Amino acid sequence: MLIELLVACLVLGAVVGVMAGLLGIGGGLIVVPALLFMLPMANIDPSISMQIALATSLATIIATSGSSAINHFRLGNVDMYVVKWLMPGVVVGGFLGAKAAEWIPAQYLPKVFGLIVLCLAVQMLFSIKGKTTRSMPSNTATLFIGTGIGTVSSLAGIGGGSLSVPFLNRHGIEMRKAVGSSSVCGFMIAVSGMLGFILHGYKVDSLPEYSIGYVYLPALIAIASTSMMTTRIGAKLASSLPTPTLKKIFALFLMFVAGTMLL
């Protein structure tokens, strides 16, 4: 059964890598629900499967967002001013989200994830129709917004692209640079969130073998090994596709994931 899980995670990683490069997401919106479906193959205790899915998702995002960020740097798709003021907040938020996941009862975590994704899908659908843009908020406000993005993202096991990309694009950052800058911030959310889940997971007795805290290493290694190779494909697509097409792909993707988790 572990072999079947590893094969499924290899395929999952290839899909996640393309999506990370294309949409500036770390892949958590795919990885979390997919792992919830696949973890029973490894006979993992259902009471901690959501925490393991969230933690392992964040760990894979370190690889996918890191690789995607490098590719976007090379393509000139990163706004360093945005990264400078968002990053401190998202790091703090990453730790806060991991802590919040400990407070919420395990049976409610999947529903929390589904509701977060549904809100993100609705937000992006409205942003497609909206034409108005605003200037970036003050530096202090951007720090606090980054903290909120980091908290929600860590709690949902995602890299934050589904929050930061529409936020940046709505505030005048061109879509390709919003995607590239989101990849950099997503990397830092993943690092801080993963460390939080590792620390909280060490006190749990029912963890499976080959895990570090809530991070399940077999799934992590399999997903990361293929996702790092396919982010380049997504980054090239992001540089060639027109902005309206990117936003439609993003919105449809979020609606699909939200419907899957809630139904």
C-alpha atoms as a PDB file:
ATOM      1  CA  MET A   1       0.000   0.000   0.000  1.00  0.00           C
ATOM      2  CA  LEU A   2       2.907   2.352   0.672  1.00  0.00           C
ATOM      3  CA  ILE A   3       4.149   1.768  -2.897  1.00  0.00           C
ATOM      4  CA  GLU A   4       0.740   2.766  -4.249  1.00  0.00           C
ATOM      5  CA  LEU A   5       0.826   5.918  -2.130  1.00  0.00           C
ATOM      6  CA  LEU A   6       4.283   6.831  -3.419  1.00  0.00           C
ATOM      7  CA  VAL A   7       3.246   6.386  -7.072  1.00  0.00           C
ATOM      8  CA  ALA A   8       0.138   8.507  -6.530  1.00  0.00           C
ATOM      9  CA  CYS A   9       2.237  11.214  -4.855  1.00  0.00           C
ATOM     10  CA  LEU A  10       4.702  11.256  -7.768  1.00  0.00           C
ATOM     11  CA  VAL A  11       1.848  11.971 -10.186  1.00  0.00           C
ATOM     12  CA  LEU A  12       0.380  14.514  -7.776  1.00  0.00           C
ATOM     13  CA  GLY A  13       3.719  16.305  -7.557  1.00  0.00           C
ATOM     14  CA  ALA A  14       3.962  16.693 -11.336  1.00  0.00           C
ATOM     15  CA  VAL A  15       0.543  18.379 -11.455  1.00  0.00           C
ATOM     16  CA  VAL A  16       1.345  20.571  -8.445  1.00  0.00           C
ATOM     17  CA  GLY A  17       4.573  21.817 -10.019  1.00  0.00           C
ATOM     18  CA  VAL A  18       2.834  23.083 -13.148  1.00  0.00           C
ATOM     19  CA  MET A  19       0.142  24.802 -11.096  1.00  0.00           C
ATOM     20  CA  ALA A  20       2.732  26.409  -8.820  1.00  0.00           C
ATOM     21  CA  GLY A  21       4.596  27.972 -11.718  1.00  0.00           C
ATOM     22  CA  LEU A  22       1.446  28.983 -13.586  1.00  0.00           C
ATOM     23  CA  LEU A  23      -0.624  30.461 -10.764  1.00  0.00           C
ATOM     24  CA  GLY A  24       1.910  31.379  -8.094  1.00  0.00           C
ATOM     25  CA  ILE A  25       0.452  28.849  -5.645  1.00  0.00           C
ATOM     26  CA  GLY A  26       2.425  26.324  -3.666  1.00  0.00           C
ATOM     27  CA  GLY A  27       0.032  23.550  -4.601  1.00  0.00           C
ATOM     28  CA  GLY A  28      -1.624  23.130  -1.208  1.00  0.00           C
ATOM     29  CA  LEU A  29      -5.078  23.576  -2.704  1.00  0.00           C
ATOM     30  CA  ILE A  30      -4.416  20.333  -4.588  1.00  0.00           C
ATOM     31  CA  VAL A  31      -2.145  18.541  -2.111  1.00  0.00           C
ATOM     32  CA  VAL A  32      -4.339  18.808   1.011  1.00  0.00           C
ATOM     33  CA  PRO A  33      -7.518  17.225  -0.412  1.00  0.00           C
ATOM     34  CA  ALA A  34      -5.465  14.705  -2.394  1.00  0.00           C
ATOM     35  CA  LEU A  35      -3.539  13.589   0.696  1.00  0.00           C
ATOM     36  CA  LEU A  36      -6.745  13.296   2.709  1.00  0.00           C
ATOM     37  CA  PHE A  37      -7.901  10.822   0.071  1.00  0.00           C
ATOM     38  CA  MET A  38      -4.579   8.953  -0.169  1.00  0.00           C
ATOM     39  CA  LEU A  39      -3.298   8.797   3.439  1.00  0.00           C
ATOM     40  CA  PRO A  40      -5.557   5.831   4.358  1.00  0.00           C
ATOM     41  CA  MET A  41      -3.296   3.795   2.022  1.00  0.00           C
ATOM     42  CA  ALA A  42      -0.628   4.114   4.726  1.00  0.00           C
ATOM     43  CA  ASN A  43      -3.087   3.252   7.551  1.00  0.00           C
ATOM     44  CA  ILE A  44      -2.678   6.673   9.169  1.00  0.00           C
ATOM     45  CA  ASP A  45      -4.913   7.476  12.143  1.00  0.00           C
ATOM     46  CA  PRO A  46      -7.910   9.461  10.761  1.00  0.00           C
ATOM     47  CA  SER A  47      -7.894  11.704  13.842  1.00  0.00           C
ATOM     48  CA  ILE A  48      -4.598  13.263  12.734  1.00  0.00           C
ATOM     49  CA  SER A  49      -4.844  12.844   8.953  1.00  0.00           C
ATOM     50  CA  MET A  50      -5.864  16.470   8.376  1.00  0.00           C
ATOM     51  CA  GLN A  51      -2.937  17.805  10.419  1.00  0.00           C
ATOM     52  CA  ILE A  52      -0.577  15.508   8.501  1.00  0.00           C
ATOM     53  CA  ALA A  53      -2.063  16.645   5.184  1.00  0.00           C
ATOM     54  CA  LEU A  54      -1.652  20.309   6.132  1.00  0.00           C
ATOM     55  CA  ALA A  55       1.902  19.905   7.449  1.00  0.00           C
ATOM     56  CA  THR A  56       3.073  17.754   4.539  1.00  0.00           C
ATOM     57  CA  SER A  57       1.459  20.151   2.077  1.00  0.00           C
ATOM     58  CA  LEU A  58       3.374  23.078   3.575  1.00  0.00           C
ATOM     59  CA  ALA A  59       6.586  21.057   3.421  1.00  0.00           C
ATOM     60  CA  THR A  60       6.069  20.349  -0.289  1.00  0.00           C
ATOM     61  CA  ILE A  61       5.407  24.045  -0.872  1.00  0.00           C
ATOM     62  CA  ILE A  62       8.946  24.797   0.282  1.00  0.00           C
ATOM     63  CA  ALA A  63      10.151  22.901  -2.768  1.00  0.00           C
ATOM     64  CA  THR A  64       7.495  23.992  -5.261  1.00  0.00           C
ATOM     65  CA  SER A  65       7.364  27.678  -4.300  1.00  0.00           C
ATOM     66  CA  GLY A  66      11.148  27.832  -3.991  1.00  0.00           C
ATOM     67  CA  SER A  67      11.625  26.363  -7.442  1.00  0.00           C
ATOM     68  CA  SER A  68       8.841  28.530  -8.880  1.00  0.00           C
ATOM     69  CA  ALA A  69      10.303  31.663  -7.254  1.00  0.00           C
ATOM     70  CA  ILE A  70      13.714  31.000  -8.816  1.00  0.00           C
ATOM     71  CA  ASN A  71      12.147  30.612 -12.248  1.00  0.00           C
ATOM     72  CA  HIS A  72      10.139  33.829 -11.844  1.00  0.00           C
ATOM     73  CA  PHE A  73      13.260  35.686 -10.669  1.00  0.00           C
ATOM     74  CA  ARG A  74      14.990  34.651 -13.878  1.00  0.00           C
ATOM     75  CA  LEU A  75      12.007  35.839 -15.914  1.00  0.00           C
ATOM     76  CA  GLY A  76      11.848  39.198 -14.102  1.00  0.00           C
ATOM     77  CA  ASN A  77       8.440  38.495 -12.575  1.00  0.00           C
ATOM     78  CA  VAL A  78       9.198  39.453  -8.932  1.00  0.00           C
ATOM     79  CA  ASP A  79       8.435  42.877  -7.396  1.00  0.00           C
ATOM     80  CA  MET A  80      11.005  43.230  -4.592  1.00  0.00           C
ATOM     81  CA  TYR A  81       9.140  46.106  -2.891  1.00  0.00           C
ATOM     82  CA  VAL A  82       6.110  43.854  -2.453  1.00  0.00           C
ATOM     83  CA  VAL A  83       8.240  41.009  -1.134  1.00  0.00           C
ATOM     84  CA  LYS A  84      10.022  43.299   1.332  1.00  0.00           C
ATOM     85  CA  TRP A  85       6.847  44.457   3.067  1.00  0.00           C
ATOM     86  CA  LEU A  86       4.715  41.329   2.837  1.00  0.00           C
ATOM     87  CA  MET A  87       7.335  38.795   3.923  1.00  0.00           C
ATOM     88  CA  PRO A  88       7.692  39.688   7.656  1.00  0.00           C
ATOM     89  CA  GLY A  89       3.936  39.450   8.113  1.00  0.00           C
ATOM     90  CA  VAL A  90       3.518  36.164   6.292  1.00  0.00           C
ATOM     91  CA  VAL A  91       6.279  34.559   8.383  1.00  0.00           C
ATOM     92  CA  VAL A  92       4.520  35.502  11.639  1.00  0.00           C
ATOM     93  CA  GLY A  93       1.201  34.413  10.184  1.00  0.00           C
ATOM     94  CA  GLY A  94       2.619  31.029   9.224  1.00  0.00           C
ATOM     95  CA  PHE A  95       3.357  30.225  12.871  1.00  0.00           C
ATOM     96  CA  LEU A  96      -0.046  31.564  13.982  1.00  0.00           C
ATOM     97  CA  GLY A  97      -1.889  29.353  11.481  1.00  0.00           C
ATOM     98  CA  ALA A  98      -0.116  26.212  12.684  1.00  0.00           C
ATOM     99  CA  LYS A  99      -1.094  27.088  16.247  1.00  0.00           C
ATOM    100  CA  ALA A 100      -4.716  27.693  15.245  1.00  0.00           C
ATOM    101  CA  ALA A 101      -4.855  24.228  13.645  1.00  0.00           C
ATOM    102  CA  GLU A 102      -4.105  22.770  17.089  1.00  0.00           C
ATOM    103  CA  TRP A 103      -7.017  24.643  18.679  1.00  0.00           C
ATOM    104  CA  ILE A 104      -9.635  23.599  16.105  1.00  0.00           C
ATOM    105  CA  PRO A 105     -11.151  20.095  16.625  1.00  0.00           C
ATOM    106  CA  ALA A 106      -9.852  17.634  14.028  1.00  0.00           C
ATOM    107  CA  GLN A 107     -13.302  16.855  12.597  1.00  0.00           C
ATOM    108  CA  TYR A 108     -13.844  20.505  11.713  1.00  0.00           C
ATOM    109  CA  LEU A 109     -10.509  21.127   9.992  1.00  0.00           C
ATOM    110  CA  PRO A 110     -11.597  19.821   6.544  1.00  0.00           C
ATOM    111  CA  LYS A 111     -14.680  22.063   6.660  1.00  0.00           C
ATOM    112  CA  VAL A 112     -12.542  25.047   7.633  1.00  0.00           C
ATOM    113  CA  PHE A 113     -10.314  24.295   4.667  1.00  0.00           C
ATOM    114  CA  GLY A 114     -13.306  24.020   2.330  1.00  0.00           C
ATOM    115  CA  LEU A 115     -14.814  27.298   3.517  1.00  0.00           C
ATOM    116  CA  ILE A 116     -11.509  29.129   3.090  1.00  0.00           C
ATOM    117  CA  VAL A 117     -11.180  27.868  -0.468  1.00  0.00           C
ATOM    118  CA  LEU A 118     -14.812  28.733  -1.257  1.00  0.00           C
ATOM    119  CA  CYS A 119     -14.240  32.318  -0.101  1.00  0.00           C
ATOM    120  CA  LEU A 120     -11.112  32.495  -2.244  1.00  0.00           C
ATOM    121  CA  ALA A 121     -13.025  31.226  -5.273  1.00  0.00           C
ATOM    122  CA  VAL A 122     -15.792  33.808  -4.861  1.00  0.00           C
ATOM    123  CA  GLN A 123     -13.219  36.568  -4.373  1.00  0.00           C
ATOM    124  CA  MET A 124     -11.414  35.689  -7.572  1.00  0.00           C
ATOM    125  CA  LEU A 125     -14.635  35.420  -9.595  1.00  0.00           C
ATOM    126  CA  PHE A 126     -15.579  38.947  -8.536  1.00  0.00           C
ATOM    127  CA  SER A 127     -12.089  40.218  -9.292  1.00  0.00           C
ATOM    128  CA  ILE A 128     -12.377  38.989 -12.897  1.00  0.00           C
ATOM    129  CA  LYS A 129     -15.334  41.316 -13.441  1.00  0.00           C
ATOM    130  CA  GLY A 130     -13.855  44.213 -11.496  1.00  0.00           C
ATOM    131  CA  LYS A 131     -11.815  46.717 -13.478  1.00  0.00           C
ATOM    132  CA  THR A 132     -10.812  49.177 -10.760  1.00  0.00           C
ATOM    133  CA  THR A 133      -7.403  49.028  -9.129  1.00  0.00           C
ATOM    134  CA  ARG A 134      -6.056  50.729  -6.040  1.00  0.00           C
ATOM    135  CA  SER A 135      -2.607  51.782  -4.973  1.00  0.00           C
ATOM    136  CA  MET A 136      -0.725  49.577  -2.523  1.00  0.00           C
ATOM    137  CA  PRO A 137      -1.617  50.265   1.140  1.00  0.00           C
ATOM    138  CA  SER A 138       0.899  51.759   3.560  1.00  0.00           C
ATOM    139  CA  ASN A 139       3.915  49.730   4.636  1.00  0.00           C
ATOM    140  CA  THR A 140       2.409  49.073   8.086  1.00  0.00           C
ATOM    141  CA  ALA A 141      -0.909  47.999   6.612  1.00  0.00           C
ATOM    142  CA  THR A 142       0.902  45.698   4.185  1.00  0.00           C
ATOM    143  CA  LEU A 143       2.693  44.043   7.122  1.00  0.00           C
ATOM    144  CA  PHE A 144      -0.625  43.350   8.872  1.00  0.00           C
ATOM    145  CA  ILE A 145      -2.220  42.109   5.659  1.00  0.00           C
ATOM    146  CA  GLY A 146       0.761  39.787   5.221  1.00  0.00           C
ATOM    147  CA  THR A 147       0.162  38.411   8.723  1.00  0.00           C
ATOM    148  CA  GLY A 148      -3.448  37.666   7.838  1.00  0.00           C
ATOM    149  CA  ILE A 149      -2.437  35.996   4.575  1.00  0.00           C
ATOM    150  CA  GLY A 150       0.163  33.881   6.383  1.00  0.00           C
ATOM    151  CA  THR A 151      -2.261  32.793   9.124  1.00  0.00           C
ATOM    152  CA  VAL A 152      -5.053  31.718   6.788  1.00  0.00           C
ATOM    153  CA  SER A 153      -2.602  30.089   4.379  1.00  0.00           C
ATOM    154  CA  SER A 154      -0.869  28.024   7.059  1.00  0.00           C
ATOM    155  CA  LEU A 155      -4.225  26.975   8.508  1.00  0.00           C
ATOM    156  CA  ALA A 156      -5.290  25.760   5.055  1.00  0.00           C
ATOM    157  CA  GLY A 157      -1.896  24.212   4.187  1.00  0.00           C
ATOM    158  CA  ILE A 158      -1.443  26.497   1.187  1.00  0.00           C
ATOM    159  CA  GLY A 159       1.305  28.839   0.037  1.00  0.00           C
ATOM    160  CA  GLY A 160      -0.871  31.938   0.062  1.00  0.00           C
ATOM    161  CA  GLY A 161      -0.948  32.566  -3.678  1.00  0.00           C
ATOM    162  CA  SER A 162      -4.728  32.281  -3.711  1.00  0.00           C
ATOM    163  CA  LEU A 163      -4.793  35.246  -1.303  1.00  0.00           C
ATOM    164  CA  SER A 164      -1.755  37.283  -2.281  1.00  0.00           C
ATOM    165  CA  VAL A 165      -2.162  37.086  -6.075  1.00  0.00           C
ATOM    166  CA  PRO A 166      -5.643  38.711  -6.181  1.00  0.00           C
ATOM    167  CA  PHE A 167      -4.634  41.176  -3.435  1.00  0.00           C
ATOM    168  CA  LEU A 168      -1.555  42.333  -5.337  1.00  0.00           C
ATOM    169  CA  ASN A 169      -3.304  42.413  -8.695  1.00  0.00           C
ATOM    170  CA  ARG A 170      -6.193  44.447  -7.248  1.00  0.00           C
ATOM    171  CA  HIS A 171      -3.660  46.966  -5.915  1.00  0.00           C
ATOM    172  CA  GLY A 172      -2.013  47.646  -9.234  1.00  0.00           C
ATOM    173  CA  ILE A 173       0.631  44.895  -9.442  1.00  0.00           C
ATOM    174  CA  GLU A 174       0.690  43.399 -12.935  1.00  0.00           C
ATOM    175  CA  MET A 175      -0.567  39.792 -12.924  1.00  0.00           C
ATOM    176  CA  ARG A 176       2.716  38.130 -13.841  1.00  0.00           C
ATOM    177  CA  LYS A 177       4.603  40.022 -11.120  1.00  0.00           C
ATOM    178  CA  ALA A 178       1.819  39.269  -8.654  1.00  0.00           C
ATOM    179  CA  VAL A 179       2.263  35.569  -9.412  1.00  0.00           C
ATOM    180  CA  GLY A 180       6.071  35.737  -9.151  1.00  0.00           C
ATOM    181  CA  SER A 181       6.063  37.770  -5.922  1.00  0.00           C
ATOM    182  CA  SER A 182       3.491  35.394  -4.450  1.00  0.00           C
ATOM    183  CA  SER A 183       5.826  32.475  -5.074  1.00  0.00           C
ATOM    184  CA  VAL A 184       8.535  34.123  -2.968  1.00  0.00           C
ATOM    185  CA  CYS A 185       6.143  34.909  -0.103  1.00  0.00           C
ATOM    186  CA  GLY A 186       4.631  31.424  -0.363  1.00  0.00           C
ATOM    187  CA  PHE A 187       8.034  29.908   0.254  1.00  0.00           C
ATOM    188  CA  MET A 188       8.341  31.787   3.554  1.00  0.00           C
ATOM    189  CA  ILE A 189       4.781  30.913   4.630  1.00  0.00           C
ATOM    190  CA  ALA A 190       5.567  27.260   4.009  1.00  0.00           C
ATOM    191  CA  VAL A 191       8.781  27.345   6.042  1.00  0.00           C
ATOM    192  CA  SER A 192       7.224  29.014   9.082  1.00  0.00           C
ATOM    193  CA  GLY A 193       4.006  26.978   8.924  1.00  0.00           C
ATOM    194  CA  MET A 194       5.844  23.678   8.529  1.00  0.00           C
ATOM    195  CA  LEU A 195       8.085  24.419  11.511  1.00  0.00           C
ATOM    196  CA  GLY A 196       4.993  25.186  13.587  1.00  0.00           C
ATOM    197  CA  PHE A 197       3.377  21.863  12.658  1.00  0.00           C
ATOM    198  CA  ILE A 198       6.589  19.974  13.402  1.00  0.00           C
ATOM    199  CA  LEU A 199       6.824  21.490  16.882  1.00  0.00           C
ATOM    200  CA  HIS A 200       3.178  20.790  17.691  1.00  0.00           C
ATOM    201  CA  GLY A 201       3.334  17.273  16.251  1.00  0.00           C
ATOM    202  CA  TYR A 202       6.172  16.002  18.409  1.00  0.00           C
ATOM    203  CA  LYS A 203       3.829  15.557  21.387  1.00  0.00           C
ATOM    204  CA  VAL A 204       1.439  13.275  19.445  1.00  0.00           C
ATOM    205  CA  ASP A 205       1.782   9.530  20.119  1.00  0.00           C
ATOM    206  CA  SER A 206      -0.121   8.166  17.093  1.00  0.00           C
ATOM    207  CA  LEU A 207       2.180   9.551  14.398  1.00  0.00           C
ATOM    208  CA  PRO A 208       3.084   7.111  11.584  1.00  0.00           C
ATOM    209  CA  GLU A 209       6.593   5.871  10.916  1.00  0.00           C
ATOM    210  CA  TYR A 210       8.834   8.062   8.756  1.00  0.00           C
ATOM    211  CA  SER A 211       7.332  11.289  10.039  1.00  0.00           C
ATOM    212  CA  ILE A 212       8.840  14.399  11.626  1.00  0.00           C
ATOM    213  CA  GLY A 213       6.148  15.961  13.721  1.00  0.00           C
ATOM    214  CA  TYR A 214       3.099  16.084  11.467  1.00  0.00           C
ATOM    215  CA  VAL A 215       5.216  16.015   8.278  1.00  0.00           C
ATOM    216  CA  TYR A 216       4.958  12.611   6.546  1.00  0.00           C
ATOM    217  CA  LEU A 217       8.280  12.100   4.778  1.00  0.00           C
ATOM    218  CA  PRO A 218       7.347   9.476   2.107  1.00  0.00           C
ATOM    219  CA  ALA A 219       4.614  11.707   0.673  1.00  0.00           C
ATOM    220  CA  LEU A 220       6.811  14.794   0.974  1.00  0.00           C
ATOM    221  CA  ILE A 221       9.750  13.283  -0.901  1.00  0.00           C
ATOM    222  CA  ALA A 222       7.575  11.833  -3.683  1.00  0.00           C
ATOM    223  CA  ILE A 223       5.594  15.037  -4.287  1.00  0.00           C
ATOM    224  CA  ALA A 224       8.624  17.323  -4.087  1.00  0.00           C
ATOM    225  CA  SER A 225      10.748  15.192  -6.424  1.00  0.00           C
ATOM    226  CA  THR A 226       8.400  15.640  -9.385  1.00  0.00           C
ATOM    227  CA  SER A 227       6.945  19.078  -8.585  1.00  0.00           C
ATOM    228  CA  MET A 228      10.375  20.740  -8.672  1.00  0.00           C
ATOM    229  CA  MET A 229      10.869  19.484 -12.222  1.00  0.00           C
ATOM    230  CA  THR A 230       7.567  20.807 -13.580  1.00  0.00           C
ATOM    231  CA  THR A 231       7.431  24.326 -12.090  1.00  0.00           C
ATOM    232  CA  ARG A 232       9.459  25.605 -15.052  1.00  0.00           C
ATOM    233  CA  ILE A 233       6.651  24.600 -17.400  1.00  0.00           C
ATOM    234  CA  GLY A 234       4.108  26.571 -15.397  1.00  0.00           C
ATOM    235  CA  ALA A 235       6.365  29.638 -15.091  1.00  0.00           C
ATOM    236  CA  LYS A 236       6.826  29.767 -18.876  1.00  0.00           C
ATOM    237  CA  LEU A 237       3.072  29.515 -19.390  1.00  0.00           C
ATOM    238  CA  ALA A 238       2.543  32.371 -16.908  1.00  0.00           C
ATOM    239  CA  SER A 239       4.858  34.579 -18.966  1.00  0.00           C
ATOM    240  CA  SER A 240       3.112  33.840 -22.248  1.00  0.00           C
ATOM    241  CA  LEU A 241      -0.609  33.618 -21.395  1.00  0.00           C
ATOM    242  CA  PRO A 242      -2.673  36.857 -21.340  1.00  0.00           C
ATOM    243  CA  THR A 243      -3.745  38.218 -17.940  1.00  0.00           C
ATOM    244  CA  PRO A 244      -7.521  37.561 -18.335  1.00  0.00           C
ATOM    245  CA  THR A 245      -6.781  33.930 -19.181  1.00  0.00           C
ATOM    246  CA  LEU A 246      -4.647  33.524 -16.049  1.00  0.00           C
ATOM    247  CA  LYS A 247      -7.373  34.978 -13.851  1.00  0.00           C
ATOM    248  CA  LYS A 248     -10.047  32.715 -15.347  1.00  0.00           C
ATOM    249  CA  ILE A 249      -7.865  29.643 -14.852  1.00  0.00           C
ATOM    250  CA  PHE A 250      -7.225  30.681 -11.269  1.00  0.00           C
ATOM    251  CA  ALA A 251     -10.927  31.226 -10.495  1.00  0.00           C
ATOM    252  CA  LEU A 252     -12.086  27.955 -12.075  1.00  0.00           C
ATOM    253  CA  PHE A 253      -9.360  26.063 -10.250  1.00  0.00           C
ATOM    254  CA  LEU A 254     -10.454  27.435  -6.858  1.00  0.00           C
ATOM    255  CA  MET A 255     -14.129  26.676  -7.550  1.00  0.00           C
ATOM    256  CA  PHE A 256     -13.289  23.074  -8.386  1.00  0.00           C
ATOM    257  CA  VAL A 257     -11.300  22.552  -5.188  1.00  0.00           C
ATOM    258  CA  ALA A 258     -13.933  24.257  -3.013  1.00  0.00           C
ATOM    259  CA  GLY A 259     -16.699  22.100  -4.446  1.00  0.00           C
ATOM    260  CA  THR A 260     -14.670  18.930  -3.959  1.00  0.00           C
ATOM    261  CA  MET A 261     -13.941  19.618  -0.287  1.00  0.00           C
ATOM    262  CA  LEU A 262     -17.413  20.838   0.704  1.00  0.00           C
ATOM    263  CA  LEU A 263     -19.447  18.240  -1.195  1.00  0.00           C
END
